[in-house]
PDB file of N, CA and C in Angstrom:
ATOM      1  N   MET A   1     119.258 105.901  80.699  1.00  0.00           N
ATOM      2  CA  MET A   1     118.725 107.246  80.690  1.00  0.00           C
ATOM      3  C   MET A   1     118.284 107.611  79.272  1.00  0.00           C
ATOM      4  N   ALA A   2     117.116 108.182  79.169  1.00  0.00           N
ATOM      5  CA  ALA A   2     116.570 108.583  77.884  1.00  0.00           C
ATOM      6  C   ALA A   2     116.633 110.100  77.755  1.00  0.00           C
ATOM      7  N   GLU A   3     116.799 110.568  76.510  1.00  0.00           N
ATOM      8  CA  GLU A   3     116.829 112.007  76.284  1.00  0.00           C
ATOM      9  C   GLU A   3     116.225 112.362  74.931  1.00  0.00           C
ATOM     10  N   PHE A   4     115.800 113.623  74.824  1.00  0.00           N
ATOM     11  CA  PHE A   4     115.144 114.120  73.624  1.00  0.00           C
ATOM     12  C   PHE A   4     115.445 115.604  73.484  1.00  0.00           C
ATOM     13  N   LYS A   5     115.593 116.066  72.233  1.00  0.00           N
ATOM     14  CA  LYS A   5     115.775 117.490  71.931  1.00  0.00           C
ATOM     15  C   LYS A   5     114.777 117.879  70.848  1.00  0.00           C
ATOM     16  N   CYS A   6     114.082 118.979  71.049  1.00  0.00           N
ATOM     17  CA  CYS A   6     113.126 119.463  70.045  1.00  0.00           C
ATOM     18  C   CYS A   6     113.799 119.660  68.686  1.00  0.00           C
ATOM     19  N   LYS A   7     115.025 120.168  68.702  1.00  0.00           N
ATOM     20  CA  LYS A   7     115.696 120.440  67.434  1.00  0.00           C
ATOM     21  C   LYS A   7     115.916 119.167  66.614  1.00  0.00           C
ATOM     22  N   ASP A   8     115.906 118.013  67.255  1.00  0.00           N
ATOM     23  CA  ASP A   8     116.094 116.756  66.532  1.00  0.00           C
ATOM     24  C   ASP A   8     114.900 116.386  65.656  1.00  0.00           C
ATOM     25  N   ILE A   9     113.766 117.066  65.872  1.00  0.00           N
ATOM     26  CA  ILE A   9     112.613 116.820  64.996  1.00  0.00           C
ATOM     27  C   ILE A   9     112.291 118.068  64.171  1.00  0.00           C
ATOM     28  N   GLY A  10     113.283 118.961  64.055  1.00  0.00           N
ATOM     29  CA  GLY A  10     113.149 120.116  63.174  1.00  0.00           C
ATOM     30  C   GLY A  10     112.554 121.363  63.797  1.00  0.00           C
ATOM     31  N   MET A  11     112.371 121.377  65.101  1.00  0.00           N
ATOM     32  CA  MET A  11     111.826 122.558  65.766  1.00  0.00           C
ATOM     33  C   MET A  11     112.961 123.537  66.068  1.00  0.00           C
ATOM     34  N   LYS A  12     112.679 124.820  65.964  1.00  0.00           N
ATOM     35  CA  LYS A  12     113.646 125.842  66.345  1.00  0.00           C
ATOM     36  C   LYS A  12     113.426 126.140  67.819  1.00  0.00           C
ATOM     37  N   CYS A  13     113.922 125.229  68.631  1.00  0.00           N
ATOM     38  CA  CYS A  13     113.650 125.270  70.070  1.00  0.00           C
ATOM     39  C   CYS A  13     114.817 124.610  70.797  1.00  0.00           C
ATOM     40  N   GLY A  14     115.228 125.191  71.890  1.00  0.00           N
ATOM     41  CA  GLY A  14     116.348 124.653  72.655  1.00  0.00           C
ATOM     42  C   GLY A  14     115.953 123.666  73.743  1.00  0.00           C
ATOM     43  N   PHE A  15     114.684 123.248  73.764  1.00  0.00           N
ATOM     44  CA  PHE A  15     114.201 122.342  74.798  1.00  0.00           C
ATOM     45  C   PHE A  15     114.895 120.988  74.718  1.00  0.00           C
ATOM     46  N   GLU A  16     115.297 120.474  75.884  1.00  0.00           N
ATOM     47  CA  GLU A  16     115.919 119.155  75.988  1.00  0.00           C
ATOM     48  C   GLU A  16     115.396 118.442  77.229  1.00  0.00           C
ATOM     49  N   VAL A  17     115.203 117.151  77.097  1.00  0.00           N
ATOM     50  CA  VAL A  17     114.927 116.288  78.243  1.00  0.00           C
ATOM     51  C   VAL A  17     116.163 115.420  78.398  1.00  0.00           C
ATOM     52  N   LYS A  18     116.783 115.460  79.563  1.00  0.00           N
ATOM     53  CA  LYS A  18     117.964 114.634  79.821  1.00  0.00           C
ATOM     54  C   LYS A  18     117.772 113.884  81.123  1.00  0.00           C
ATOM     55  N   GLY A  19     118.212 112.646  81.142  1.00  0.00           N
ATOM     56  CA  GLY A  19     118.198 111.880  82.373  1.00  0.00           C
ATOM     57  C   GLY A  19     116.864 111.271  82.740  1.00  0.00           C
ATOM     58  N   ALA A  20     115.931 111.245  81.810  1.00  0.00           N
ATOM     59  CA  ALA A  20     114.646 110.605  82.103  1.00  0.00           C
ATOM     60  C   ALA A  20     114.864 109.107  82.250  1.00  0.00           C
ATOM     61  N   SER A  21     114.025 108.475  83.042  1.00  0.00           N
ATOM     62  CA  SER A  21     114.235 107.062  83.336  1.00  0.00           C
ATOM     63  C   SER A  21     113.735 106.137  82.239  1.00  0.00           C
ATOM     64  N   SER A  22     112.826 106.629  81.372  1.00  0.00           N
ATOM     65  CA  SER A  22     112.281 105.766  80.331  1.00  0.00           C
ATOM     66  C   SER A  22     111.802 106.587  79.138  1.00  0.00           C
ATOM     67  N   LYS A  23     111.572 105.897  78.036  1.00  0.00           N
ATOM     68  CA  LYS A  23     111.026 106.532  76.837  1.00  0.00           C
ATOM     69  C   LYS A  23     109.635 107.090  77.128  1.00  0.00           C
ATOM     70  N   ASP A  24     108.846 106.361  77.918  1.00  0.00           N
ATOM     71  CA  ASP A  24     107.500 106.825  78.278  1.00  0.00           C
ATOM     72  C   ASP A  24     107.553 108.137  79.064  1.00  0.00           C
ATOM     73  N   GLU A  25     108.523 108.239  79.974  1.00  0.00           N
ATOM     74  CA  GLU A  25     108.671 109.469  80.750  1.00  0.00           C
ATOM     75  C   GLU A  25     109.028 110.634  79.832  1.00  0.00           C
ATOM     76  N   VAL A  26     109.932 110.407  78.883  1.00  0.00           N
ATOM     77  CA  VAL A  26     110.299 111.457  77.923  1.00  0.00           C
ATOM     78  C   VAL A  26     109.072 111.883  77.120  1.00  0.00           C
ATOM     79  N   MET A  27     108.282 110.921  76.664  1.00  0.00           N
ATOM     80  CA  MET A  27     107.088 111.244  75.879  1.00  0.00           C
ATOM     81  C   MET A  27     106.112 112.107  76.689  1.00  0.00           C
ATOM     82  N   GLN A  28     105.935 111.798  77.957  1.00  0.00           N
ATOM     83  CA  GLN A  28     105.041 112.591  78.813  1.00  0.00           C
ATOM     84  C   GLN A  28     105.560 114.011  78.981  1.00  0.00           C
ATOM     85  N   ILE A  29     106.846 114.155  79.236  1.00  0.00           N
ATOM     86  CA  ILE A  29     107.454 115.480  79.419  1.00  0.00           C
ATOM     87  C   ILE A  29     107.371 116.269  78.120  1.00  0.00           C
ATOM     88  N   ALA A  30     107.672 115.622  77.005  1.00  0.00           N
ATOM     89  CA  ALA A  30     107.623 116.287  75.698  1.00  0.00           C
ATOM     90  C   ALA A  30     106.201 116.730  75.363  1.00  0.00           C
ATOM     91  N   GLN A  31     105.219 115.936  75.733  1.00  0.00           N
ATOM     92  CA  GLN A  31     103.823 116.297  75.471  1.00  0.00           C
ATOM     93  C   GLN A  31     103.431 117.556  76.236  1.00  0.00           C
ATOM     94  N   VAL A  32     103.822 117.657  77.482  1.00  0.00           N
ATOM     95  CA  VAL A  32     103.545 118.860  78.270  1.00  0.00           C
ATOM     96  C   VAL A  32     104.261 120.056  77.648  1.00  0.00           C
ATOM     97  N   HIS A  33     105.516 119.883  77.261  1.00  0.00           N
ATOM     98  CA  HIS A  33     106.281 120.959  76.625  1.00  0.00           C
ATOM     99  C   HIS A  33     105.595 121.417  75.341  1.00  0.00           C
ATOM    100  N   ALA A  34     105.161 120.472  74.522  1.00  0.00           N
ATOM    101  CA  ALA A  34     104.498 120.809  73.254  1.00  0.00           C
ATOM    102  C   ALA A  34     103.244 121.649  73.500  1.00  0.00           C
ATOM    103  N   ARG A  35     102.477 121.282  74.515  1.00  0.00           N
ATOM    104  CA  ARG A  35     101.243 122.009  74.821  1.00  0.00           C
ATOM    105  C   ARG A  35     101.544 123.411  75.351  1.00  0.00           C
ATOM    106  N   VAL A  36     102.457 123.508  76.297  1.00  0.00           N
ATOM    107  CA  VAL A  36     102.729 124.778  76.963  1.00  0.00           C
ATOM    108  C   VAL A  36     103.527 125.740  76.074  1.00  0.00           C
ATOM    109  N   THR A  37     104.560 125.247  75.425  1.00  0.00           N
ATOM    110  CA  THR A  37     105.471 126.111  74.685  1.00  0.00           C
ATOM    111  C   THR A  37     105.074 126.307  73.223  1.00  0.00           C
ATOM    112  N   HIS A  38     104.640 125.228  72.584  1.00  0.00           N
ATOM    113  CA  HIS A  38     104.353 125.285  71.150  1.00  0.00           C
ATOM    114  C   HIS A  38     102.859 125.349  70.832  1.00  0.00           C
ATOM    115  N   ASN A  39     102.021 125.375  71.878  1.00  0.00           N
ATOM    116  CA  ASN A  39     100.568 125.436  71.728  1.00  0.00           C
ATOM    117  C   ASN A  39     100.023 124.286  70.876  1.00  0.00           C
ATOM    118  N   ILE A  40     100.639 123.122  71.005  1.00  0.00           N
ATOM    119  CA  ILE A  40     100.184 121.915  70.312  1.00  0.00           C
ATOM    120  C   ILE A  40      99.288 121.166  71.298  1.00  0.00           C
ATOM    121  N   THR A  41      97.989 121.198  71.038  1.00  0.00           N
ATOM    122  CA  THR A  41      97.043 120.604  71.984  1.00  0.00           C
ATOM    123  C   THR A  41      96.754 119.137  71.689  1.00  0.00           C
ATOM    124  N   THR A  42      96.991 118.707  70.447  1.00  0.00           N
ATOM    125  CA  THR A  42      96.757 117.316  70.079  1.00  0.00           C
ATOM    126  C   THR A  42      98.032 116.741  69.481  1.00  0.00           C
ATOM    127  N   ILE A  43      98.506 115.670  70.063  1.00  0.00           N
ATOM    128  CA  ILE A  43      99.688 114.992  69.538  1.00  0.00           C
ATOM    129  C   ILE A  43      99.210 113.970  68.505  1.00  0.00           C
ATOM    130  N   THR A  44      99.495 114.263  67.254  1.00  0.00           N
ATOM    131  CA  THR A  44      99.087 113.353  66.181  1.00  0.00           C
ATOM    132  C   THR A  44      99.963 112.105  66.205  1.00  0.00           C
ATOM    133  N   PRO A  45      99.491 111.020  65.618  1.00  0.00           N
ATOM    134  CA  PRO A  45     100.342 109.823  65.533  1.00  0.00           C
ATOM    135  C   PRO A  45     101.669 110.095  64.830  1.00  0.00           C
ATOM    136  N   ASP A  46     101.653 110.954  63.800  1.00  0.00           N
ATOM    137  CA  ASP A  46     102.878 111.291  63.080  1.00  0.00           C
ATOM    138  C   ASP A  46     103.872 112.014  63.992  1.00  0.00           C
ATOM    139  N   LEU A  47     103.393 112.990  64.752  1.00  0.00           N
ATOM    140  CA  LEU A  47     104.270 113.725  65.671  1.00  0.00           C
ATOM    141  C   LEU A  47     104.787 112.800  66.766  1.00  0.00           C
ATOM    142  N   ALA A  48     103.927 111.945  67.298  1.00  0.00           N
ATOM    143  CA  ALA A  48     104.348 111.001  68.330  1.00  0.00           C
ATOM    144  C   ALA A  48     105.446 110.089  67.802  1.00  0.00           C
ATOM    145  N   GLN A  49     105.320 109.663  66.550  1.00  0.00           N
ATOM    146  CA  GLN A  49     106.339 108.793  65.945  1.00  0.00           C
ATOM    147  C   GLN A  49     107.657 109.540  65.770  1.00  0.00           C
ATOM    148  N   LYS A  50     107.590 110.812  65.346  1.00  0.00           N
ATOM    149  CA  LYS A  50     108.809 111.614  65.182  1.00  0.00           C
ATOM    150  C   LYS A  50     109.539 111.763  66.516  1.00  0.00           C
ATOM    151  N   VAL A  51     108.774 112.086  67.553  1.00  0.00           N
ATOM    152  CA  VAL A  51     109.374 112.255  68.891  1.00  0.00           C
ATOM    153  C   VAL A  51     109.949 110.919  69.362  1.00  0.00           C
ATOM    154  N   SER A  52     109.180 109.863  69.230  1.00  0.00           N
ATOM    155  CA  SER A  52     109.631 108.549  69.670  1.00  0.00           C
ATOM    156  C   SER A  52     110.924 108.134  68.966  1.00  0.00           C
ATOM    157  N   SER A  53     110.999 108.407  67.681  1.00  0.00           N
ATOM    158  CA  SER A  53     112.195 108.046  66.911  1.00  0.00           C
ATOM    159  C   SER A  53     113.417 108.873  67.294  1.00  0.00           C
ATOM    160  N   ALA A  54     113.180 110.079  67.802  1.00  0.00           N
ATOM    161  CA  ALA A  54     114.285 110.979  68.161  1.00  0.00           C
ATOM    162  C   ALA A  54     114.795 110.765  69.583  1.00  0.00           C
ATOM    163  N   ILE A  55     114.090 109.972  70.368  1.00  0.00           N
ATOM    164  CA  ILE A  55     114.519 109.716  71.754  1.00  0.00           C
ATOM    165  C   ILE A  55     115.727 108.795  71.744  1.00  0.00           C
ATOM    166  N   ARG A  56     116.750 109.214  72.457  1.00  0.00           N
ATOM    167  CA  ARG A  56     117.976 108.396  72.575  1.00  0.00           C
ATOM    168  C   ARG A  56     118.030 107.786  73.955  1.00  0.00           C
ATOM    169  N   GLY A  57     118.607 106.607  74.000  1.00  0.00           N
ATOM    170  CA  GLY A  57     118.815 105.981  75.300  1.00  0.00           C
ATOM    171  C   GLY A  57     117.871 104.881  75.636  1.00  0.00           C
TER     172      GLY A  57
END
């Protein structure tokens, strides 16, 4: 199971993904969250790397 928390990359946000089946699934969920909640329309390579590094599991 893979999981991710926004706060792990320095965001002041309580968003968490828990129980995802893969790192790819977490990345997809996090991308939707970033767009909807944080108004981030483009995931830069740097941001993708930060999220990827913060995923546990």
